[in-house]
Amino acid sequence: MNLTLKRIIADVFLLICLFVLPWWITLPVAFLLIFYFNLYFESIFLAFFLDLLYSPKSVLFGAYILTVFAIVLFVVLEILKKKIFLLKR
């Protein structure tokens, strides 16, 4: 199975998780997929959709807190992946 097909299957699985599972299970699944795939931007889109579904609309600056957290964590995990792969060589 090639990488593109694996990524599509993971995206469909993540989309199903978005609507079926609670956010506290879906978000760690997305972060595990960041480690598995290279540049998995879908996790940021997932966090945005989770914010649209679950965040309170009355909060002024905290409405997109999961999206900001996902962007920061995405950058940190990508840097860590590069450092881990450099240590393996």
PDB file of N, CA and C in Angstrom:
ATOM      1  N   MET A   1       0.853  -1.179   0.000  1.00  0.00           N
ATOM      2  CA  MET A   1       0.000   0.000   0.000  1.00  0.00           C
ATOM      3  C   MET A   1       0.901   1.245   0.000  1.00  0.00           C
ATOM      4  N   ASN A   2       0.654   2.136  -0.927  1.00  0.00           N
ATOM      5  CA  ASN A   2       1.514   3.319  -1.005  1.00  0.00           C
ATOM      6  C   ASN A   2       1.122   4.364   0.053  1.00  0.00           C
ATOM      7  N   LEU A   3       1.971   5.344   0.193  1.00  0.00           N
ATOM      8  CA  LEU A   3       1.804   6.339   1.250  1.00  0.00           C
ATOM      9  C   LEU A   3       0.576   7.215   1.043  1.00  0.00           C
ATOM     10  N   THR A   4       0.246   7.521  -0.196  1.00  0.00           N
ATOM     11  CA  THR A   4      -0.923   8.358  -0.472  1.00  0.00           C
ATOM     12  C   THR A   4      -2.209   7.663  -0.048  1.00  0.00           C
ATOM     13  N   LEU A   5      -2.308   6.380  -0.333  1.00  0.00           N
ATOM     14  CA  LEU A   5      -3.492   5.632   0.062  1.00  0.00           C
ATOM     15  C   LEU A   5      -3.590   5.514   1.583  1.00  0.00           C
ATOM     16  N   LYS A   6      -2.452   5.323   2.236  1.00  0.00           N
ATOM     17  CA  LYS A   6      -2.442   5.287   3.707  1.00  0.00           C
ATOM     18  C   LYS A   6      -2.903   6.622   4.289  1.00  0.00           C
ATOM     19  N   ARG A   7      -2.464   7.695   3.669  1.00  0.00           N
ATOM     20  CA  ARG A   7      -2.838   9.022   4.156  1.00  0.00           C
ATOM     21  C   ARG A   7      -4.329   9.293   3.962  1.00  0.00           C
ATOM     22  N   ILE A   8      -4.889   8.854   2.849  1.00  0.00           N
ATOM     23  CA  ILE A   8      -6.322   9.021   2.600  1.00  0.00           C
ATOM     24  C   ILE A   8      -7.128   8.208   3.596  1.00  0.00           C
ATOM     25  N   ILE A   9      -6.704   6.978   3.854  1.00  0.00           N
ATOM     26  CA  ILE A   9      -7.391   6.149   4.842  1.00  0.00           C
ATOM     27  C   ILE A   9      -7.311   6.779   6.227  1.00  0.00           C
ATOM     28  N   ALA A  10      -6.158   7.328   6.576  1.00  0.00           N
ATOM     29  CA  ALA A  10      -6.009   7.997   7.867  1.00  0.00           C
ATOM     30  C   ALA A  10      -6.894   9.244   7.952  1.00  0.00           C
ATOM     31  N   ASP A  11      -7.023   9.976   6.845  1.00  0.00           N
ATOM     32  CA  ASP A  11      -7.890  11.158   6.833  1.00  0.00           C
ATOM     33  C   ASP A  11      -9.349  10.787   7.031  1.00  0.00           C
ATOM     34  N   VAL A  12      -9.786   9.725   6.367  1.00  0.00           N
ATOM     35  CA  VAL A  12     -11.171   9.276   6.531  1.00  0.00           C
ATOM     36  C   VAL A  12     -11.402   8.807   7.962  1.00  0.00           C
ATOM     37  N   PHE A  13     -10.433   8.070   8.514  1.00  0.00           N
ATOM     38  CA  PHE A  13     -10.544   7.622   9.896  1.00  0.00           C
ATOM     39  C   PHE A  13     -10.614   8.808  10.857  1.00  0.00           C
ATOM     40  N   LEU A  14      -9.806   9.817  10.620  1.00  0.00           N
ATOM     41  CA  LEU A  14      -9.797  10.999  11.469  1.00  0.00           C
ATOM     42  C   LEU A  14     -11.107  11.781  11.346  1.00  0.00           C
ATOM     43  N   LEU A  15     -11.661  11.832  10.168  1.00  0.00           N
ATOM     44  CA  LEU A  15     -12.950  12.498   9.975  1.00  0.00           C
ATOM     45  C   LEU A  15     -14.074  11.752  10.697  1.00  0.00           C
ATOM     46  N   ILE A  16     -14.030  10.436  10.662  1.00  0.00           N
ATOM     47  CA  ILE A  16     -15.008   9.645  11.411  1.00  0.00           C
ATOM     48  C   ILE A  16     -14.839   9.871  12.910  1.00  0.00           C
ATOM     49  N   CYS A  17     -13.587   9.905  13.356  1.00  0.00           N
ATOM     50  CA  CYS A  17     -13.322  10.169  14.776  1.00  0.00           C
ATOM     51  C   CYS A  17     -13.855  11.536  15.198  1.00  0.00           C
ATOM     52  N   LEU A  18     -13.774  12.507  14.299  1.00  0.00           N
ATOM     53  CA  LEU A  18     -14.240  13.857  14.597  1.00  0.00           C
ATOM     54  C   LEU A  18     -15.713  13.875  14.969  1.00  0.00           C
ATOM     55  N   PHE A  19     -16.511  13.092  14.277  1.00  0.00           N
ATOM     56  CA  PHE A  19     -17.948  13.123  14.506  1.00  0.00           C
ATOM     57  C   PHE A  19     -18.434  12.061  15.483  1.00  0.00           C
ATOM     58  N   VAL A  20     -17.663  11.007  15.710  1.00  0.00           N
ATOM     59  CA  VAL A  20     -18.129   9.898  16.543  1.00  0.00           C
ATOM     60  C   VAL A  20     -17.517   9.929  17.944  1.00  0.00           C
ATOM     61  N   LEU A  21     -16.237  10.219  18.029  1.00  0.00           N
ATOM     62  CA  LEU A  21     -15.526  10.165  19.309  1.00  0.00           C
ATOM     63  C   LEU A  21     -15.448  11.545  19.950  1.00  0.00           C
ATOM     64  N   PRO A  22     -15.267  11.596  21.265  1.00  0.00           N
ATOM     65  CA  PRO A  22     -15.076  12.907  21.918  1.00  0.00           C
ATOM     66  C   PRO A  22     -13.725  13.518  21.538  1.00  0.00           C
ATOM     67  N   TRP A  23     -13.618  14.827  21.770  1.00  0.00           N
ATOM     68  CA  TRP A  23     -12.408  15.547  21.354  1.00  0.00           C
ATOM     69  C   TRP A  23     -11.169  15.052  22.063  1.00  0.00           C
ATOM     70  N   TRP A  24     -11.302  14.583  23.293  1.00  0.00           N
ATOM     71  CA  TRP A  24     -10.128  14.176  24.055  1.00  0.00           C
ATOM     72  C   TRP A  24      -9.590  12.824  23.603  1.00  0.00           C
ATOM     73  N   ILE A  25     -10.276  12.140  22.719  1.00  0.00           N
ATOM     74  CA  ILE A  25      -9.739  10.943  22.084  1.00  0.00           C
ATOM     75  C   ILE A  25      -9.267  11.277  20.671  1.00  0.00           C
ATOM     76  N   THR A  26     -10.002  12.124  19.979  1.00  0.00           N
ATOM     77  CA  THR A  26      -9.683  12.472  18.593  1.00  0.00           C
ATOM     78  C   THR A  26      -8.380  13.250  18.482  1.00  0.00           C
ATOM     79  N   LEU A  27      -8.147  14.166  19.378  1.00  0.00           N
ATOM     80  CA  LEU A  27      -6.945  14.998  19.314  1.00  0.00           C
ATOM     81  C   LEU A  27      -5.649  14.197  19.488  1.00  0.00           C
ATOM     82  N   PRO A  28      -5.552  13.292  20.458  1.00  0.00           N
ATOM     83  CA  PRO A  28      -4.327  12.474  20.524  1.00  0.00           C
ATOM     84  C   PRO A  28      -4.124  11.571  19.311  1.00  0.00           C
ATOM     85  N   VAL A  29      -5.208  11.098  18.711  1.00  0.00           N
ATOM     86  CA  VAL A  29      -5.082  10.306  17.490  1.00  0.00           C
ATOM     87  C   VAL A  29      -4.463  11.156  16.383  1.00  0.00           C
ATOM     88  N   ALA A  30      -4.892  12.394  16.284  1.00  0.00           N
ATOM     89  CA  ALA A  30      -4.334  13.302  15.273  1.00  0.00           C
ATOM     90  C   ALA A  30      -2.855  13.563  15.525  1.00  0.00           C
ATOM     91  N   PHE A  31      -2.481  13.702  16.782  1.00  0.00           N
ATOM     92  CA  PHE A  31      -1.074  13.969  17.081  1.00  0.00           C
ATOM     93  C   PHE A  31      -0.201  12.738  16.854  1.00  0.00           C
ATOM     94  N   LEU A  32      -0.754  11.553  17.015  1.00  0.00           N
ATOM     95  CA  LEU A  32      -0.011  10.346  16.668  1.00  0.00           C
ATOM     96  C   LEU A  32       0.189  10.246  15.153  1.00  0.00           C
ATOM     97  N   LEU A  33      -0.793  10.697  14.409  1.00  0.00           N
ATOM     98  CA  LEU A  33      -0.653  10.691  12.957  1.00  0.00           C
ATOM     99  C   LEU A  33       0.378  11.709  12.479  1.00  0.00           C
ATOM    100  N   ILE A  34       0.600  12.765  13.251  1.00  0.00           N
ATOM    101  CA  ILE A  34       1.664  13.719  12.912  1.00  0.00           C
ATOM    102  C   ILE A  34       3.019  13.018  12.939  1.00  0.00           C
ATOM    103  N   PHE A  35       3.208  12.118  13.914  1.00  0.00           N
ATOM    104  CA  PHE A  35       4.463  11.379  13.975  1.00  0.00           C
ATOM    105  C   PHE A  35       4.601  10.386  12.823  1.00  0.00           C
ATOM    106  N   TYR A  36       3.497   9.795  12.423  1.00  0.00           N
ATOM    107  CA  TYR A  36       3.564   8.762  11.388  1.00  0.00           C
ATOM    108  C   TYR A  36       3.779   9.343   9.993  1.00  0.00           C
ATOM    109  N   PHE A  37       3.078  10.434   9.667  1.00  0.00           N
ATOM    110  CA  PHE A  37       3.169  11.025   8.336  1.00  0.00           C
ATOM    111  C   PHE A  37       4.047  12.270   8.368  1.00  0.00           C
ATOM    112  N   ASN A  38       4.622  12.553   7.224  1.00  0.00           N
ATOM    113  CA  ASN A  38       5.445  13.747   7.092  1.00  0.00           C
ATOM    114  C   ASN A  38       4.542  14.929   6.741  1.00  0.00           C
ATOM    115  N   LEU A  39       4.659  16.017   7.479  1.00  0.00           N
ATOM    116  CA  LEU A  39       3.879  17.247   7.285  1.00  0.00           C
ATOM    117  C   LEU A  39       2.377  16.958   7.221  1.00  0.00           C
ATOM    118  N   TYR A  40       1.837  16.481   8.305  1.00  0.00           N
ATOM    119  CA  TYR A  40       0.426  16.105   8.387  1.00  0.00           C
ATOM    120  C   TYR A  40      -0.404  17.321   8.789  1.00  0.00           C
ATOM    121  N   PHE A  41      -0.675  18.201   7.800  1.00  0.00           N
ATOM    122  CA  PHE A  41      -1.417  19.438   8.037  1.00  0.00           C
ATOM    123  C   PHE A  41      -2.877  19.184   8.376  1.00  0.00           C
ATOM    124  N   GLU A  42      -3.348  17.998   8.109  1.00  0.00           N
ATOM    125  CA  GLU A  42      -4.742  17.681   8.382  1.00  0.00           C
ATOM    126  C   GLU A  42      -5.068  17.788   9.869  1.00  0.00           C
ATOM    127  N   SER A  43      -4.070  17.636  10.713  1.00  0.00           N
ATOM    128  CA  SER A  43      -4.292  17.751  12.160  1.00  0.00           C
ATOM    129  C   SER A  43      -4.687  19.174  12.551  1.00  0.00           C
ATOM    130  N   ILE A  44      -4.156  20.158  11.849  1.00  0.00           N
ATOM    131  CA  ILE A  44      -4.518  21.545  12.130  1.00  0.00           C
ATOM    132  C   ILE A  44      -5.962  21.807  11.693  1.00  0.00           C
ATOM    133  N   PHE A  45      -6.337  21.274  10.537  1.00  0.00           N
ATOM    134  CA  PHE A  45      -7.719  21.422  10.095  1.00  0.00           C
ATOM    135  C   PHE A  45      -8.682  20.710  11.042  1.00  0.00           C
ATOM    136  N   LEU A  46      -8.262  19.548  11.553  1.00  0.00           N
ATOM    137  CA  LEU A  46      -9.088  18.830  12.519  1.00  0.00           C
ATOM    138  C   LEU A  46      -9.292  19.659  13.778  1.00  0.00           C
ATOM    139  N   ALA A  47      -8.236  20.282  14.281  1.00  0.00           N
ATOM    140  CA  ALA A  47      -8.357  21.115  15.476  1.00  0.00           C
ATOM    141  C   ALA A  47      -9.281  22.306  15.219  1.00  0.00           C
ATOM    142  N   PHE A  48      -9.216  22.862  14.025  1.00  0.00           N
ATOM    143  CA  PHE A  48     -10.115  23.961  13.681  1.00  0.00           C
ATOM    144  C   PHE A  48     -11.572  23.497  13.696  1.00  0.00           C
ATOM    145  N   PHE A  49     -11.843  22.333  13.116  1.00  0.00           N
ATOM    146  CA  PHE A  49     -13.210  21.803  13.123  1.00  0.00           C
ATOM    147  C   PHE A  49     -13.665  21.442  14.530  1.00  0.00           C
ATOM    148  N   LEU A  50     -12.738  20.953  15.371  1.00  0.00           N
ATOM    149  CA  LEU A  50     -13.092  20.683  16.766  1.00  0.00           C
ATOM    150  C   LEU A  50     -13.451  21.973  17.489  1.00  0.00           C
ATOM    151  N   ASP A  51     -12.721  23.033  17.190  1.00  0.00           N
ATOM    152  CA  ASP A  51     -13.065  24.331  17.775  1.00  0.00           C
ATOM    153  C   ASP A  51     -14.437  24.806  17.312  1.00  0.00           C
ATOM    154  N   LEU A  52     -14.743  24.601  16.050  1.00  0.00           N
ATOM    155  CA  LEU A  52     -16.058  25.001  15.556  1.00  0.00           C
ATOM    156  C   LEU A  52     -17.181  24.204  16.213  1.00  0.00           C
ATOM    157  N   LEU A  53     -16.919  22.932  16.491  1.00  0.00           N
ATOM    158  CA  LEU A  53     -17.952  22.081  17.082  1.00  0.00           C
ATOM    159  C   LEU A  53     -18.113  22.271  18.584  1.00  0.00           C
ATOM    160  N   TYR A  54     -17.004  22.374  19.313  1.00  0.00           N
ATOM    161  CA  TYR A  54     -17.057  22.267  20.766  1.00  0.00           C
ATOM    162  C   TYR A  54     -16.724  23.537  21.541  1.00  0.00           C
ATOM    163  N   SER A  55     -16.117  24.532  20.926  1.00  0.00           N
ATOM    164  CA  SER A  55     -15.703  25.698  21.713  1.00  0.00           C
ATOM    165  C   SER A  55     -16.897  26.609  21.990  1.00  0.00           C
ATOM    166  N   PRO A  56     -16.876  27.239  23.154  1.00  0.00           N
ATOM    167  CA  PRO A  56     -17.963  28.191  23.447  1.00  0.00           C
ATOM    168  C   PRO A  56     -17.813  29.444  22.590  1.00  0.00           C
ATOM    169  N   LYS A  57     -18.897  29.913  22.073  1.00  0.00           N
ATOM    170  CA  LYS A  57     -18.844  31.079  21.187  1.00  0.00           C
ATOM    171  C   LYS A  57     -18.790  32.397  21.952  1.00  0.00           C
ATOM    172  N   SER A  58     -19.032  32.364  23.250  1.00  0.00           N
ATOM    173  CA  SER A  58     -19.029  33.591  24.031  1.00  0.00           C
ATOM    174  C   SER A  58     -17.619  34.034  24.423  1.00  0.00           C
ATOM    175  N   VAL A  59     -16.654  33.153  24.321  1.00  0.00           N
ATOM    176  CA  VAL A  59     -15.284  33.484  24.688  1.00  0.00           C
ATOM    177  C   VAL A  59     -14.658  34.296  23.563  1.00  0.00           C
ATOM    178  N   LEU A  60     -14.036  35.412  23.932  1.00  0.00           N
ATOM    179  CA  LEU A  60     -13.528  36.325  22.914  1.00  0.00           C
ATOM    180  C   LEU A  60     -12.262  35.800  22.238  1.00  0.00           C
ATOM    181  N   PHE A  61     -11.214  35.523  23.020  1.00  0.00           N
ATOM    182  CA  PHE A  61      -9.943  35.110  22.439  1.00  0.00           C
ATOM    183  C   PHE A  61      -9.694  33.614  22.555  1.00  0.00           C
ATOM    184  N   GLY A  62     -10.467  32.914  23.358  1.00  0.00           N
ATOM    185  CA  GLY A  62     -10.242  31.495  23.550  1.00  0.00           C
ATOM    186  C   GLY A  62     -11.069  30.603  22.659  1.00  0.00           C
ATOM    187  N   ALA A  63     -11.737  31.187  21.673  1.00  0.00           N
ATOM    188  CA  ALA A  63     -12.627  30.391  20.831  1.00  0.00           C
ATOM    189  C   ALA A  63     -11.847  29.411  19.952  1.00  0.00           C
ATOM    190  N   TYR A  64     -10.646  29.742  19.563  1.00  0.00           N
ATOM    191  CA  TYR A  64      -9.850  28.868  18.698  1.00  0.00           C
ATOM    192  C   TYR A  64      -8.594  28.383  19.403  1.00  0.00           C
ATOM    193  N   ILE A  65      -8.733  28.009  20.646  1.00  0.00           N
ATOM    194  CA  ILE A  65      -7.579  27.602  21.447  1.00  0.00           C
ATOM    195  C   ILE A  65      -7.006  26.272  20.965  1.00  0.00           C
ATOM    196  N   LEU A  66      -7.841  25.337  20.527  1.00  0.00           N
ATOM    197  CA  LEU A  66      -7.331  24.063  20.025  1.00  0.00           C
ATOM    198  C   LEU A  66      -6.564  24.241  18.719  1.00  0.00           C
ATOM    199  N   THR A  67      -6.990  25.178  17.903  1.00  0.00           N
ATOM    200  CA  THR A  67      -6.291  25.439  16.648  1.00  0.00           C
ATOM    201  C   THR A  67      -4.906  26.017  16.913  1.00  0.00           C
ATOM    202  N   VAL A  68      -4.827  26.960  17.811  1.00  0.00           N
ATOM    203  CA  VAL A  68      -3.526  27.541  18.168  1.00  0.00           C
ATOM    204  C   VAL A  68      -2.629  26.480  18.798  1.00  0.00           C
ATOM    205  N   PHE A  69      -3.194  25.667  19.685  1.00  0.00           N
ATOM    206  CA  PHE A  69      -2.449  24.578  20.316  1.00  0.00           C
ATOM    207  C   PHE A  69      -1.960  23.576  19.264  1.00  0.00           C
ATOM    208  N   ALA A  70      -2.787  23.263  18.283  1.00  0.00           N
ATOM    209  CA  ALA A  70      -2.401  22.314  17.243  1.00  0.00           C
ATOM    210  C   ALA A  70      -1.285  22.867  16.364  1.00  0.00           C
ATOM    211  N   ILE A  71      -1.335  24.152  16.065  1.00  0.00           N
ATOM    212  CA  ILE A  71      -0.265  24.757  15.250  1.00  0.00           C
ATOM    213  C   ILE A  71       1.056  24.728  15.997  1.00  0.00           C
ATOM    214  N   VAL A  72       1.028  25.102  17.260  1.00  0.00           N
ATOM    215  CA  VAL A  72       2.254  25.093  18.065  1.00  0.00           C
ATOM    216  C   VAL A  72       2.785  23.672  18.211  1.00  0.00           C
ATOM    217  N   LEU A  73       1.904  22.739  18.509  1.00  0.00           N
ATOM    218  CA  LEU A  73       2.329  21.351  18.676  1.00  0.00           C
ATOM    219  C   LEU A  73       2.808  20.749  17.359  1.00  0.00           C
ATOM    220  N   PHE A  74       2.196  21.132  16.255  1.00  0.00           N
ATOM    221  CA  PHE A  74       2.630  20.661  14.943  1.00  0.00           C
ATOM    222  C   PHE A  74       4.074  21.091  14.670  1.00  0.00           C
ATOM    223  N   VAL A  75       4.367  22.343  14.927  1.00  0.00           N
ATOM    224  CA  VAL A  75       5.722  22.858  14.682  1.00  0.00           C
ATOM    225  C   VAL A  75       6.726  22.172  15.606  1.00  0.00           C
ATOM    226  N   VAL A  76       6.370  22.029  16.875  1.00  0.00           N
ATOM    227  CA  VAL A  76       7.274  21.394  17.838  1.00  0.00           C
ATOM    228  C   VAL A  76       7.524  19.930  17.467  1.00  0.00           C
ATOM    229  N   LEU A  77       6.478  19.210  17.095  1.00  0.00           N
ATOM    230  CA  LEU A  77       6.638  17.803  16.744  1.00  0.00           C
ATOM    231  C   LEU A  77       7.428  17.618  15.459  1.00  0.00           C
ATOM    232  N   GLU A  78       7.259  18.514  14.501  1.00  0.00           N
ATOM    233  CA  GLU A  78       8.051  18.416  13.271  1.00  0.00           C
ATOM    234  C   GLU A  78       9.536  18.650  13.562  1.00  0.00           C
ATOM    235  N   ILE A  79       9.843  19.596  14.432  1.00  0.00           N
ATOM    236  CA  ILE A  79      11.240  19.833  14.813  1.00  0.00           C
ATOM    237  C   ILE A  79      11.794  18.635  15.569  1.00  0.00           C
ATOM    238  N   LEU A  80      11.000  18.071  16.482  1.00  0.00           N
ATOM    239  CA  LEU A  80      11.447  16.896  17.226  1.00  0.00           C
ATOM    240  C   LEU A  80      11.647  15.690  16.322  1.00  0.00           C
ATOM    241  N   LYS A  81      10.782  15.524  15.328  1.00  0.00           N
ATOM    242  CA  LYS A  81      10.949  14.403  14.399  1.00  0.00           C
ATOM    243  C   LYS A  81      12.271  14.518  13.656  1.00  0.00           C
ATOM    244  N   LYS A  82      12.620  15.711  13.232  1.00  0.00           N
ATOM    245  CA  LYS A  82      13.884  15.893  12.519  1.00  0.00           C
ATOM    246  C   LYS A  82      15.069  15.590  13.434  1.00  0.00           C
ATOM    247  N   LYS A  83      14.985  16.017  14.693  1.00  0.00           N
ATOM    248  CA  LYS A  83      16.083  15.759  15.629  1.00  0.00           C
ATOM    249  C   LYS A  83      16.181  14.278  15.973  1.00  0.00           C
ATOM    250  N   ILE A  84      15.044  13.606  16.111  1.00  0.00           N
ATOM    251  CA  ILE A  84      15.059  12.172  16.417  1.00  0.00           C
ATOM    252  C   ILE A  84      15.644  11.392  15.257  1.00  0.00           C
ATOM    253  N   PHE A  85      15.271  11.746  14.026  1.00  0.00           N
ATOM    254  CA  PHE A  85      15.806  11.046  12.864  1.00  0.00           C
ATOM    255  C   PHE A  85      17.292  11.333  12.683  1.00  0.00           C
ATOM    256  N   LEU A  86      17.745  12.509  13.076  1.00  0.00           N
ATOM    257  CA  LEU A  86      19.182  12.798  12.990  1.00  0.00           C
ATOM    258  C   LEU A  86      19.965  12.000  14.022  1.00  0.00           C
ATOM    259  N   LEU A  87      19.363  11.737  15.183  1.00  0.00           N
ATOM    260  CA  LEU A  87      20.036  10.946  16.202  1.00  0.00           C
ATOM    261  C   LEU A  87      20.150   9.474  15.805  1.00  0.00           C
ATOM    262  N   LYS A  88      19.239   8.987  14.995  1.00  0.00           N
ATOM    263  CA  LYS A  88      19.275   7.602  14.570  1.00  0.00           C
ATOM    264  C   LYS A  88      20.398   7.314  13.600  1.00  0.00           C
ATOM    265  N   ARG A  89      20.868   8.317  12.881  1.00  0.00           N
ATOM    266  CA  ARG A  89      21.932   8.109  11.867  1.00  0.00           C
ATOM    267  C   ARG A  89      23.257   7.911  12.481  1.00  0.00           C
TER     268      ARG A  89
END
